[in-house]
Amino acid sequence: MLKGLGGLGDMAKMMKSAQELQTKMTQMQEDLHDIMVVGESGAGLVKATASAKGELKALDIDPSIFNGDDKEVVEDLILAAIKDAQSKASDRAQAEMGKLTEGMGLPADMKFPF
């Protein structure tokens, strides 16, 4: 008589897993603000530090590159360092997401929007 209700336990388990995933994703989003990555250009003459969320946090420029004639080169090095930091931030965020999804039994390469 209650044969058709056997799937309710699975549904409850699935809902609980979804809630756990949501909680862990929220925590991971908060943690990404604290994870720092460093992008470099010019063999380390320019370093850009960003959070794993991609927010630029610091910029370190070696004083040896400051020469009025090299303004465009310096600007290019700064942009390259920032882009490198943002790329590393994106890679790190995906790696953190991979850890989370694997822990939940989901495919490691599953993409979620940030």
C-alpha atoms as a PDB file:
ATOM      1  CA  MET A   1       0.000   0.000   0.000  1.00  0.00           C
ATOM      2  CA  LEU A   2       2.841   2.448   0.725  1.00  0.00           C
ATOM      3  CA  LYS A   3       5.032   1.082  -1.995  1.00  0.00           C
ATOM      4  CA  GLY A   4       5.031   4.354  -3.957  1.00  0.00           C
ATOM      5  CA  LEU A   5       6.430   6.353  -1.021  1.00  0.00           C
ATOM      6  CA  GLY A   6       9.856   4.707  -1.130  1.00  0.00           C
ATOM      7  CA  GLY A   7      11.261   7.568  -3.200  1.00  0.00           C
ATOM      8  CA  LEU A   8      10.477  10.173  -0.521  1.00  0.00           C
ATOM      9  CA  GLY A   9      13.510   9.133   1.507  1.00  0.00           C
ATOM     10  CA  ASP A  10      15.711   9.658  -1.530  1.00  0.00           C
ATOM     11  CA  MET A  11      14.113  13.057  -2.128  1.00  0.00           C
ATOM     12  CA  ALA A  12      14.752  14.106   1.467  1.00  0.00           C
ATOM     13  CA  LYS A  13      18.362  12.967   1.169  1.00  0.00           C
ATOM     14  CA  MET A  14      18.745  14.906  -2.082  1.00  0.00           C
ATOM     15  CA  MET A  15      17.266  18.059  -0.498  1.00  0.00           C
ATOM     16  CA  LYS A  16      19.622  17.749   2.462  1.00  0.00           C
ATOM     17  CA  SER A  17      22.590  17.371   0.084  1.00  0.00           C
ATOM     18  CA  ALA A  18      21.459  20.432  -1.855  1.00  0.00           C
ATOM     19  CA  GLN A  19      21.243  22.458   1.359  1.00  0.00           C
ATOM     20  CA  GLU A  20      24.720  21.290   2.389  1.00  0.00           C
ATOM     21  CA  LEU A  21      26.080  22.257  -1.023  1.00  0.00           C
ATOM     22  CA  GLN A  22      24.494  25.693  -0.770  1.00  0.00           C
ATOM     23  CA  THR A  23      25.993  26.232   2.701  1.00  0.00           C
ATOM     24  CA  LYS A  24      29.438  25.105   1.555  1.00  0.00           C
ATOM     25  CA  MET A  25      29.265  27.264  -1.575  1.00  0.00           C
ATOM     26  CA  THR A  26      28.348  30.312   0.497  1.00  0.00           C
ATOM     27  CA  GLN A  27      31.301  29.651   2.811  1.00  0.00           C
ATOM     28  CA  MET A  28      33.619  29.103  -0.154  1.00  0.00           C
ATOM     29  CA  GLN A  29      32.521  32.416  -1.703  1.00  0.00           C
ATOM     30  CA  GLU A  30      33.468  34.141   1.553  1.00  0.00           C
ATOM     31  CA  ASP A  31      36.780  32.268   1.716  1.00  0.00           C
ATOM     32  CA  LEU A  32      37.700  33.361  -1.824  1.00  0.00           C
ATOM     33  CA  HIS A  33      37.971  36.928  -0.524  1.00  0.00           C
ATOM     34  CA  ASP A  34      40.775  35.805   1.821  1.00  0.00           C
ATOM     35  CA  ILE A  35      42.754  33.644  -0.624  1.00  0.00           C
ATOM     36  CA  MET A  36      45.462  35.741  -2.277  1.00  0.00           C
ATOM     37  CA  VAL A  37      47.290  35.112  -5.557  1.00  0.00           C
ATOM     38  CA  VAL A  38      50.192  37.067  -7.057  1.00  0.00           C
ATOM     39  CA  GLY A  39      50.540  37.834 -10.747  1.00  0.00           C
ATOM     40  CA  GLU A  40      53.876  38.975 -12.139  1.00  0.00           C
ATOM     41  CA  SER A  41      55.325  40.566 -15.239  1.00  0.00           C
ATOM     42  CA  GLY A  42      58.740  41.780 -16.321  1.00  0.00           C
ATOM     43  CA  ALA A  43      60.480  38.897 -14.521  1.00  0.00           C
ATOM     44  CA  GLY A  44      58.955  40.010 -11.223  1.00  0.00           C
ATOM     45  CA  LEU A  45      59.504  43.756 -11.635  1.00  0.00           C
ATOM     46  CA  VAL A  46      55.751  44.293 -11.328  1.00  0.00           C
ATOM     47  CA  LYS A  47      53.613  42.184  -8.996  1.00  0.00           C
ATOM     48  CA  ALA A  48      49.860  42.411  -8.601  1.00  0.00           C
ATOM     49  CA  THR A  49      48.142  40.744  -5.652  1.00  0.00           C
ATOM     50  CA  ALA A  50      44.471  39.841  -5.998  1.00  0.00           C
ATOM     51  CA  SER A  51      41.928  37.868  -4.045  1.00  0.00           C
ATOM     52  CA  ALA A  52      40.704  34.616  -5.570  1.00  0.00           C
ATOM     53  CA  LYS A  53      37.550  36.608  -6.372  1.00  0.00           C
ATOM     54  CA  GLY A  54      39.707  38.706  -8.729  1.00  0.00           C
ATOM     55  CA  GLU A  55      39.772  41.906  -6.656  1.00  0.00           C
ATOM     56  CA  LEU A  56      43.074  43.752  -6.971  1.00  0.00           C
ATOM     57  CA  LYS A  57      44.488  44.167  -3.456  1.00  0.00           C
ATOM     58  CA  ALA A  58      48.049  45.392  -3.951  1.00  0.00           C
ATOM     59  CA  LEU A  59      50.505  46.458  -6.609  1.00  0.00           C
ATOM     60  CA  ASP A  60      54.281  46.260  -6.105  1.00  0.00           C
ATOM     61  CA  ILE A  61      56.509  47.993  -8.648  1.00  0.00           C
ATOM     62  CA  ASP A  62      60.291  47.730  -8.549  1.00  0.00           C
ATOM     63  CA  PRO A  63      61.640  51.327  -8.563  1.00  0.00           C
ATOM     64  CA  SER A  64      64.240  50.430 -11.185  1.00  0.00           C
ATOM     65  CA  ILE A  65      61.596  50.555 -13.926  1.00  0.00           C
ATOM     66  CA  PHE A  66      60.733  54.206 -13.359  1.00  0.00           C
ATOM     67  CA  ASN A  67      62.243  56.100 -16.238  1.00  0.00           C
ATOM     68  CA  GLY A  68      60.277  58.816 -17.992  1.00  0.00           C
ATOM     69  CA  ASP A  69      61.113  57.380 -21.390  1.00  0.00           C
ATOM     70  CA  ASP A  70      59.646  53.981 -20.509  1.00  0.00           C
ATOM     71  CA  LYS A  71      56.156  55.117 -19.483  1.00  0.00           C
ATOM     72  CA  GLU A  72      54.383  52.843 -21.982  1.00  0.00           C
ATOM     73  CA  VAL A  73      56.529  49.856 -21.018  1.00  0.00           C
ATOM     74  CA  VAL A  74      55.692  50.388 -17.339  1.00  0.00           C
ATOM     75  CA  GLU A  75      51.985  50.655 -18.128  1.00  0.00           C
ATOM     76  CA  ASP A  76      52.155  47.434 -20.154  1.00  0.00           C
ATOM     77  CA  LEU A  77      53.965  45.645 -17.321  1.00  0.00           C
ATOM     78  CA  ILE A  78      51.337  46.783 -14.826  1.00  0.00           C
ATOM     79  CA  LEU A  79      48.477  45.598 -17.038  1.00  0.00           C
ATOM     80  CA  ALA A  80      50.227  42.273 -17.657  1.00  0.00           C
ATOM     81  CA  ALA A  81      50.736  41.702 -13.918  1.00  0.00           C
ATOM     82  CA  ILE A  82      47.091  42.501 -13.191  1.00  0.00           C
ATOM     83  CA  LYS A  83      45.885  40.172 -15.948  1.00  0.00           C
ATOM     84  CA  ASP A  84      48.181  37.430 -14.629  1.00  0.00           C
ATOM     85  CA  ALA A  85      46.795  37.884 -11.114  1.00  0.00           C
ATOM     86  CA  GLN A  86      43.206  37.783 -12.396  1.00  0.00           C
ATOM     87  CA  SER A  87      43.929  34.623 -14.385  1.00  0.00           C
ATOM     88  CA  LYS A  88      45.480  32.977 -11.328  1.00  0.00           C
ATOM     89  CA  ALA A  89      42.504  34.108  -9.238  1.00  0.00           C
ATOM     90  CA  SER A  90      40.102  32.469 -11.668  1.00  0.00           C
ATOM     91  CA  ASP A  91      42.154  29.261 -11.710  1.00  0.00           C
ATOM     92  CA  ARG A  92      42.289  29.204  -7.911  1.00  0.00           C
ATOM     93  CA  ALA A  93      38.541  29.803  -7.607  1.00  0.00           C
ATOM     94  CA  GLN A  94      37.884  26.895  -9.988  1.00  0.00           C
ATOM     95  CA  ALA A  95      40.286  24.686  -8.022  1.00  0.00           C
ATOM     96  CA  GLU A  96      38.479  25.519  -4.782  1.00  0.00           C
ATOM     97  CA  MET A  97      35.136  24.788  -6.457  1.00  0.00           C
ATOM     98  CA  GLY A  98      36.538  21.476  -7.703  1.00  0.00           C
ATOM     99  CA  LYS A  99      37.417  20.494  -4.134  1.00  0.00           C
ATOM    100  CA  LEU A 100      33.894  21.360  -3.023  1.00  0.00           C
ATOM    101  CA  THR A 101      32.114  19.504  -5.810  1.00  0.00           C
ATOM    102  CA  GLU A 102      34.304  16.406  -5.420  1.00  0.00           C
ATOM    103  CA  GLY A 103      33.531  16.399  -1.699  1.00  0.00           C
ATOM    104  CA  MET A 104      29.839  16.395  -2.541  1.00  0.00           C
ATOM    105  CA  GLY A 105      30.214  13.559  -5.058  1.00  0.00           C
ATOM    106  CA  LEU A 106      29.726  15.851  -8.069  1.00  0.00           C
ATOM    107  CA  PRO A 107      32.016  15.902 -11.123  1.00  0.00           C
ATOM    108  CA  ALA A 108      35.233  17.838 -10.413  1.00  0.00           C
ATOM    109  CA  ASP A 109      34.904  19.864 -13.619  1.00  0.00           C
ATOM    110  CA  MET A 110      31.339  20.969 -12.902  1.00  0.00           C
ATOM    111  CA  LYS A 111      31.095  24.740 -13.428  1.00  0.00           C
ATOM    112  CA  PHE A 112      29.052  27.022 -11.208  1.00  0.00           C
ATOM    113  CA  PRO A 113      28.546  30.747 -11.815  1.00  0.00           C
ATOM    114  CA  PHE A 114      30.354  33.142  -9.493  1.00  0.00           C
END
